[in-house]
């Protein structure tokens, strides 16, 4: 039997390997995975690109021969942005025999899935930047991994740029009141003093809100020169439009949740000059990012959102873990990942250890600006 090949395409390397387990008659059984995303509801602008990205990853890996000769099969299911549904879907997919799950889209859904996957000893790769899902009060959740740059890595990069380049002295924070936004705001506030800025005001909003007048008037009255916006989906572009309508002469710098086509479309001309951080360097792609950007554009005729890269790398990491472990059990996959060598993928270079289930660094964070409704990266 000719050796099969498994390709992590973004690593630009083919690993020649033999099939998992003993040879059997007929085609090899597929390795079953699942992806749980919010492809409907208010997080759909992030969930849809995630869905597209995991399907692209599976297609590419299978076209290269699968993982050690076995094809991947994946169920992509919609949790509607509801944690209770996400938990139920995780239970159902594990009952079907999946060996790994990618998802969810929001912090609340990711956490709901993690409670199921960790108990079932099924590896999960979630796409939100909230490290408390794996780095819990009770220690590291062994089977839960994060493919997004953590809030604790992202926030210093934003504050560095705000202070050193934009000259920020007095910042206002406006954030989603959910776990993602609240953690981000807390970290920004805790780091403000060491970056030489004071927090003039900290405003929160319900994620489904459409009117932010009260919060923005409070920010206007605070005397802030820079607004740090920590949110995702539809609210951030509406907030930016509100900032412009009130005539606030401030810089706006957002978390990576705002880097999406939805933001550009909804904010329109009001988004001009808004800064954010991103893991994808759209202007100067890394050697591992360029093939992903080209393949995604060729298949979907669009630029992928950050969250597409987080989902894509989730599949690649699962495949890498299975290939390295030469097994599909949760313990074997986790063991392979926790002892991995640095692995450059689309989001950045992953360096998982038993104590770090994120493994990304500040060097994996890039600054970007909205120019003419296109995200451009800044050197």
Protein backbone atom coordinates (compact mmCIF):
# COMPACT_ATOMS: atom_id res chain seq x y z
CA UNK A 1 0.00 0.00 0.00
CA UNK A 2 1.41 3.36 -1.01
CA UNK A 3 2.01 5.76 1.94
CA UNK A 4 -0.68 8.38 2.25
CA UNK A 5 0.04 12.05 2.84
CA UNK A 6 -1.44 14.52 5.30
CA UNK A 7 -0.96 18.18 4.62
CA UNK A 8 -1.25 21.14 6.94
CA UNK A 9 -1.37 23.37 3.89
CA UNK A 10 -0.59 26.62 5.65
CA UNK A 11 2.67 25.14 6.90
CA UNK A 12 3.70 24.56 3.27
CA UNK A 13 4.91 21.09 4.25
CA UNK A 14 3.76 17.56 3.43
CA UNK A 15 4.34 14.92 6.05
CA UNK A 16 4.74 11.45 4.58
CA UNK A 17 3.08 8.98 6.92
CA UNK A 18 1.43 5.60 7.03
CA UNK A 19 -2.21 4.82 7.87
CA UNK A 20 -3.53 4.88 11.43
CA UNK A 21 -3.96 1.42 12.88
CA UNK A 22 -3.94 -1.88 11.03
CA UNK A 23 -4.81 -2.04 7.36
CA UNK A 24 -8.39 -3.02 6.62
CA UNK A 25 -10.26 -4.03 3.48
CA UNK A 26 -12.06 -1.28 1.64
CA UNK A 27 -11.73 2.47 1.99
CA UNK A 28 -10.57 3.76 5.37
CA UNK A 29 -13.25 5.01 7.74
CA UNK A 30 -13.44 8.81 7.98
CA UNK A 31 -12.39 10.65 11.11
CA UNK A 32 -15.52 12.37 12.37
CA UNK A 33 -15.31 15.98 13.62
CA UNK A 34 -17.94 18.58 14.47
CA UNK A 35 -18.10 22.37 14.32
CA UNK A 36 -20.59 24.35 16.37
CA UNK A 37 -20.99 27.95 15.23
CA UNK A 38 -23.56 30.73 15.40
CA UNK A 39 -24.58 30.81 11.75
CA UNK A 40 -27.85 32.51 12.67
CA UNK A 41 -28.61 35.17 15.26
CA UNK A 42 -26.57 38.26 16.05
CA UNK A 43 -23.20 36.50 15.78
CA UNK A 44 -23.91 35.10 12.31
CA UNK A 45 -21.51 37.62 10.65
CA UNK A 46 -18.73 35.76 12.48
CA UNK A 47 -20.25 32.29 12.43
CA UNK A 48 -20.80 32.16 8.67
CA UNK A 49 -17.12 32.79 7.80
CA UNK A 50 -16.16 30.24 10.46
CA UNK A 51 -18.37 27.65 8.80
CA UNK A 52 -16.89 28.42 5.38
CA UNK A 53 -13.36 28.19 6.76
CA UNK A 54 -13.73 24.77 8.41
CA UNK A 55 -15.28 23.37 5.24
CA UNK A 56 -12.34 24.74 3.28
CA UNK A 57 -9.85 23.20 5.73
CA UNK A 58 -11.50 19.77 5.53
CA UNK A 59 -11.65 19.97 1.75
CA UNK A 60 -7.94 20.83 1.51
CA UNK A 61 -6.81 18.15 3.93
CA UNK A 62 -8.88 15.49 2.16
CA UNK A 63 -7.57 16.60 -1.24
CA UNK A 64 -4.05 16.03 0.10
CA UNK A 65 -4.87 12.48 1.20
CA UNK A 66 -6.53 13.03 4.55
CA UNK A 67 -4.89 12.46 7.90
CA UNK A 68 -2.65 9.43 7.65
CA UNK A 69 -4.75 8.10 4.81
CA UNK A 70 -8.11 8.67 6.49
CA UNK A 71 -10.46 11.40 5.23
CA UNK A 72 -12.04 13.90 7.57
CA UNK A 73 -15.80 14.24 7.85
CA UNK A 74 -17.34 17.18 9.67
CA UNK A 75 -20.81 18.12 10.88
CA UNK A 76 -21.32 21.90 10.97
CA UNK A 77 -24.26 22.81 13.17
CA UNK A 78 -25.85 26.12 14.22
CA UNK A 79 -26.25 27.02 17.90
CA UNK A 80 -28.21 30.21 17.01
CA UNK A 81 -25.96 32.15 19.39
CA UNK A 82 -27.60 30.39 22.35
CA UNK A 83 -25.43 28.69 25.01
CA UNK A 84 -28.15 26.17 25.89
CA UNK A 85 -28.39 25.08 22.27
CA UNK A 86 -24.59 24.95 21.97
CA UNK A 87 -24.41 22.61 24.98
CA UNK A 88 -27.11 20.34 23.56
CA UNK A 89 -25.41 20.17 20.18
CA UNK A 90 -22.07 19.29 21.77
CA UNK A 91 -23.72 16.44 23.66
CA UNK A 92 -25.40 15.19 20.48
CA UNK A 93 -22.22 15.34 18.39
CA UNK A 94 -20.19 13.52 21.02
CA UNK A 95 -22.91 10.89 21.07
CA UNK A 96 -22.34 10.42 17.34
CA UNK A 97 -18.68 9.60 17.99
CA UNK A 98 -16.81 12.76 17.01
CA UNK A 99 -13.18 12.91 18.10
CA UNK A 100 -12.94 16.70 18.22
CA UNK A 101 -15.07 19.85 18.11
CA UNK A 102 -14.34 23.33 16.76
CA UNK A 103 -16.48 26.12 18.27
CA UNK A 104 -18.22 28.19 19.41
CA UNK A 105 -18.46 31.65 17.98
CA UNK A 106 -19.24 33.64 21.16
CA UNK A 107 -17.63 33.38 24.58
CA UNK A 108 -20.86 32.20 26.20
CA UNK A 109 -21.39 29.45 23.63
CA UNK A 110 -17.73 28.41 23.76
CA UNK A 111 -17.96 28.06 27.53
CA UNK A 112 -21.17 26.04 27.29
CA UNK A 113 -19.54 23.66 24.82
CA UNK A 114 -16.42 23.40 26.97
CA UNK A 115 -18.38 22.15 29.96
CA UNK A 116 -19.48 19.22 27.80
CA UNK A 117 -16.26 18.51 25.91
CA UNK A 118 -13.98 18.62 28.93
CA UNK A 119 -16.17 16.17 30.86
CA UNK A 120 -16.32 13.87 27.82
CA UNK A 121 -12.54 14.12 27.20
CA UNK A 122 -13.10 15.37 23.65
CA UNK A 123 -10.67 18.06 22.41
CA UNK A 124 -12.31 21.41 21.66
CA UNK A 125 -10.85 24.40 19.80
CA UNK A 126 -12.82 27.56 20.43
CA UNK A 127 -12.46 30.81 18.52
CA UNK A 128 -13.06 33.52 21.14
CA UNK A 129 -10.28 35.36 23.05
CA UNK A 130 -11.52 34.61 26.57
CA UNK A 131 -8.83 32.51 28.23
CA UNK A 132 -10.85 31.84 31.37
CA UNK A 133 -12.65 29.07 29.43
CA UNK A 134 -9.51 26.91 29.50
CA UNK A 135 -7.58 28.69 32.27
CA UNK A 136 -10.19 28.13 34.96
CA UNK A 137 -10.20 28.72 38.70
CA UNK A 138 -9.73 24.98 39.08
CA UNK A 139 -6.74 24.86 36.74
CA UNK A 140 -6.30 24.16 33.04
CA UNK A 141 -9.27 22.51 31.33
CA UNK A 142 -7.29 19.68 29.79
CA UNK A 143 -9.33 19.16 26.63
CA UNK A 144 -10.08 22.80 25.79
CA UNK A 145 -7.89 24.96 23.52
CA UNK A 146 -8.14 28.56 22.31
CA UNK A 147 -7.27 29.52 18.70
CA UNK A 148 -7.81 33.28 19.09
CA UNK A 149 -5.25 35.64 20.62
CA UNK A 150 -6.26 36.02 24.26
CA UNK A 151 -7.60 39.30 25.63
CA UNK A 152 -4.50 39.46 27.85
CA UNK A 153 -2.25 39.41 24.76
CA UNK A 154 -4.44 41.64 22.61
CA UNK A 155 -5.03 44.46 25.11
CA UNK A 156 -1.36 45.46 25.62
CA UNK A 157 -0.87 45.66 21.85
CA UNK A 158 -3.85 48.00 21.55
CA UNK A 159 -2.73 50.20 24.45
CA UNK A 160 0.83 50.35 23.13
CA UNK A 161 -0.42 51.65 19.80
CA UNK A 162 -2.93 54.02 21.40
CA UNK A 163 -0.30 55.63 23.63
CA UNK A 164 2.88 55.49 21.58
CA UNK A 165 1.41 56.23 18.15
CA UNK A 166 -1.92 57.96 18.76
CA UNK A 167 -0.77 59.87 21.85
CA UNK A 168 -3.67 58.76 24.04
CA UNK A 169 -3.79 60.22 27.55
CA UNK A 170 -7.42 59.76 28.61
CA UNK A 171 -9.28 56.72 27.34
CA UNK A 172 -12.92 55.75 27.47
CA UNK A 173 -13.87 52.08 27.34
CA UNK A 174 -17.13 50.93 25.78
CA UNK A 175 -17.76 47.21 25.75
CA UNK A 176 -20.33 44.47 25.36
CA UNK A 177 -21.65 43.50 28.78
CA UNK A 178 -21.12 39.80 27.98
CA UNK A 179 -18.16 37.79 29.27
CA UNK A 180 -16.00 38.65 26.26
CA UNK A 181 -16.47 42.40 26.50
CA UNK A 182 -16.33 42.52 30.28
CA UNK A 183 -13.06 40.58 30.46
CA UNK A 184 -11.51 42.77 27.77
CA UNK A 185 -12.56 45.97 29.54
CA UNK A 186 -11.24 44.69 32.86
CA UNK A 187 -7.85 43.90 31.36
CA UNK A 188 -7.61 47.28 29.60
CA UNK A 189 -8.45 49.08 32.84
CA UNK A 190 -5.88 47.06 34.79
CA UNK A 191 -3.15 47.90 32.25
CA UNK A 192 -4.00 51.57 31.79
CA UNK A 193 -1.76 52.98 34.53
CA UNK A 194 1.38 51.19 33.39
CA UNK A 195 0.74 52.53 29.87
CA UNK A 196 0.49 56.08 31.20
CA UNK A 197 -3.21 56.66 30.57
CA UNK A 198 -6.21 57.13 32.82
CA UNK A 199 -9.64 55.61 32.25
CA UNK A 200 -12.05 58.54 32.02
CA UNK A 201 -15.13 56.30 31.92
CA UNK A 202 -16.10 52.65 31.42
CA UNK A 203 -19.42 52.10 29.63
CA UNK A 204 -21.13 48.81 28.84
CA UNK A 205 -24.02 47.92 26.52
CA UNK A 206 -26.27 44.88 25.95
CA UNK A 207 -25.02 42.91 22.97
CA UNK A 208 -28.31 43.18 21.11
CA UNK A 209 -28.58 46.96 21.65
CA UNK A 210 -29.02 49.35 18.73
CA UNK A 211 -29.07 52.69 20.59
CA UNK A 212 -25.89 53.77 22.38
CA UNK A 213 -26.72 57.44 22.95
CA UNK A 214 -26.48 57.34 26.75
CA UNK A 215 -23.08 55.64 26.74
CA UNK A 216 -21.66 57.95 24.07
CA UNK A 217 -22.91 61.12 25.77
CA UNK A 218 -21.18 59.94 28.96
CA UNK A 219 -17.99 59.39 26.96
CA UNK A 220 -18.29 62.83 25.37
CA UNK A 221 -18.65 64.43 28.80
CA UNK A 222 -15.68 62.47 30.20
CA UNK A 223 -13.10 64.35 28.14
CA UNK A 224 -11.59 61.18 26.70
CA UNK A 225 -9.29 61.57 23.69
CA UNK A 226 -9.43 57.89 22.68
CA UNK A 227 -12.19 55.29 22.77
CA UNK A 228 -11.34 51.61 23.25
CA UNK A 229 -14.19 49.54 21.80
CA UNK A 230 -14.45 45.91 22.94
CA UNK A 231 -17.21 44.07 21.13
CA UNK A 232 -18.21 42.06 18.07
CA UNK A 233 -20.99 41.53 15.55
CA UNK A 234 -23.45 44.36 14.78
CA UNK A 235 -23.01 46.71 17.75
CA UNK A 236 -19.48 48.11 17.08
CA UNK A 237 -20.24 49.67 13.67
CA UNK A 238 -23.41 51.24 15.09
CA UNK A 239 -21.37 52.64 17.97
CA UNK A 240 -18.86 54.13 15.53
CA UNK A 241 -21.68 55.75 13.56
CA UNK A 242 -22.98 57.20 16.83
CA UNK A 243 -19.53 58.58 17.67
CA UNK A 244 -19.39 60.42 14.35
CA UNK A 245 -22.97 61.69 14.65
CA UNK A 246 -22.18 63.20 18.06
CA UNK A 247 -19.12 64.89 16.58
CA UNK A 248 -16.66 63.35 19.03
CA UNK A 249 -13.10 64.28 18.02
CA UNK A 250 -11.49 61.10 19.30
CA UNK A 251 -9.48 58.16 18.02
CA UNK A 252 -11.32 54.85 18.05
CA UNK A 253 -9.43 51.59 18.50
CA UNK A 254 -11.26 48.27 18.70
CA UNK A 255 -10.65 44.65 19.58
CA UNK A 256 -10.25 42.05 16.83
CA UNK A 257 -13.97 41.25 17.02
CA UNK A 258 -14.69 44.31 14.88
CA UNK A 259 -12.51 43.20 11.96
CA UNK A 260 -15.22 41.88 9.67
CA UNK A 261 -16.96 42.71 6.43
CA UNK A 262 -20.07 43.51 8.47
CA UNK A 263 -18.27 46.33 10.26
CA UNK A 264 -17.13 47.85 6.96
CA UNK A 265 -20.61 47.60 5.46
CA UNK A 266 -22.60 48.92 8.43
CA UNK A 267 -20.15 51.61 9.55
CA UNK A 268 -19.69 52.82 6.00
CA UNK A 269 -17.81 56.11 5.75
CA UNK A 270 -18.11 56.55 9.53
CA UNK A 271 -15.59 53.75 9.95
CA UNK A 272 -12.83 55.69 8.18
CA UNK A 273 -9.78 55.87 10.42
CA UNK A 274 -10.96 53.33 13.01
CA UNK A 275 -8.10 51.18 14.29
CA UNK A 276 -8.17 47.57 15.42
CA UNK A 277 -5.89 44.63 15.90
CA UNK A 278 -6.02 41.56 13.74
CA UNK A 279 -4.24 38.24 13.48
CA UNK A 280 -4.47 38.17 9.69
CA UNK A 281 -2.03 40.57 8.10
CA UNK A 282 -4.13 41.44 5.05
CA UNK A 283 -1.60 43.89 3.60
CA UNK A 284 1.59 41.90 4.13
CA UNK A 285 0.44 38.27 4.62
CA UNK A 286 2.87 35.83 6.19
CA UNK A 287 3.90 32.75 4.18
CA UNK A 288 1.29 30.73 6.09
CA UNK A 289 -1.46 33.33 5.67
CA UNK A 290 -1.19 33.99 1.94
CA UNK A 291 -2.29 30.48 0.78
CA UNK A 292 -5.30 30.68 3.12
CA UNK A 293 -6.31 34.14 1.88
CA UNK A 294 -5.98 33.04 -1.75
CA UNK A 295 -7.87 29.77 -1.26
CA UNK A 296 -10.68 31.41 0.73
CA UNK A 297 -11.08 34.16 -1.86
CA UNK A 298 -11.06 31.66 -4.72
CA UNK A 299 -13.79 29.57 -3.08
CA UNK A 300 -15.99 32.26 -1.53
CA UNK A 301 -15.04 35.43 -3.46
CA UNK A 302 -14.50 37.33 -0.21
CA UNK A 303 -11.86 38.35 2.28
CA UNK A 304 -12.01 36.11 5.35
CA UNK A 305 -12.77 37.64 8.73
CA UNK A 306 -10.39 37.03 11.62
CA UNK A 307 -12.83 34.48 12.98
CA UNK A 308 -12.56 32.43 9.79
CA UNK A 309 -8.84 31.99 10.50
CA UNK A 310 -9.53 30.91 14.09
CA UNK A 311 -11.91 28.21 12.88
CA UNK A 312 -9.62 27.11 10.03
CA UNK A 313 -6.70 26.68 12.39
CA UNK A 314 -8.91 24.71 14.78
CA UNK A 315 -9.32 22.01 12.12
CA UNK A 316 -5.62 22.13 11.27
CA UNK A 317 -4.65 21.73 14.93
CA UNK A 318 -6.98 18.79 15.38
CA UNK A 319 -5.53 17.15 12.28
CA UNK A 320 -2.01 17.86 13.49
CA UNK A 321 -2.77 16.34 16.90
CA UNK A 322 -4.26 13.19 15.38
CA UNK A 323 -1.38 12.81 12.96
CA UNK A 324 1.28 13.36 15.63
CA UNK A 325 -0.39 11.07 18.17
CA UNK A 326 -1.15 8.38 15.57
CA UNK A 327 -4.43 8.00 17.46
CA UNK A 328 -7.83 9.65 17.81
CA UNK A 329 -8.41 9.41 21.55
CA UNK A 330 -8.74 12.68 23.43
CA UNK A 331 -5.84 11.93 25.74
CA UNK A 332 -3.54 11.07 22.83
CA UNK A 333 -4.44 14.22 20.88
CA UNK A 334 -4.01 16.46 23.92
CA UNK A 335 -0.69 14.83 24.76
CA UNK A 336 0.59 15.49 21.25
CA UNK A 337 -0.51 19.13 21.36
CA UNK A 338 0.90 19.83 24.82
CA UNK A 339 4.33 18.59 23.70
CA UNK A 340 4.27 20.19 20.25
CA UNK A 341 7.05 22.19 18.68
CA UNK A 342 6.12 25.75 17.58
CA UNK A 343 3.66 25.37 14.71
CA UNK A 344 3.08 28.33 12.34
CA UNK A 345 -0.50 28.45 11.11
CA UNK A 346 -2.75 31.25 9.84
CA UNK A 347 -3.55 32.94 13.16
CA UNK A 348 0.06 32.80 14.31
CA UNK A 349 2.58 30.37 15.75
CA UNK A 350 0.98 28.01 18.24
CA UNK A 351 3.05 26.80 21.20
CA UNK A 352 0.69 24.76 23.34
CA UNK A 353 1.96 23.34 26.62
CA UNK A 354 0.28 21.62 29.55
CA UNK A 355 0.00 25.04 31.22
CA UNK A 356 -0.83 27.12 28.12
CA UNK A 357 -3.72 26.12 25.86
CA UNK A 358 -3.47 29.28 23.77
CA UNK A 359 0.21 29.55 22.99
CA UNK A 360 0.06 32.74 20.92
CA UNK A 361 2.30 35.77 21.51
CA UNK A 362 2.17 39.54 20.98
CA UNK A 363 4.12 39.01 17.74
CA UNK A 364 0.98 37.32 16.36
CA UNK A 365 -1.00 40.57 16.76
CA UNK A 366 -1.07 43.11 13.91
CA UNK A 367 -2.60 46.60 13.87
CA UNK A 368 -5.03 47.58 11.13
CA UNK A 369 -7.03 50.62 10.03
CA UNK A 370 -10.27 51.06 8.08
CA UNK A 371 -9.37 53.00 4.95
CA UNK A 372 -12.07 53.49 2.31
CA UNK A 373 -14.02 50.57 3.81
CA UNK A 374 -11.10 48.15 3.51
CA UNK A 375 -8.98 46.84 6.38
CA UNK A 376 -5.32 47.74 5.84
CA UNK A 377 -2.55 46.56 8.10
CA UNK A 378 -0.08 49.02 9.57
CA UNK A 379 3.65 48.31 9.69
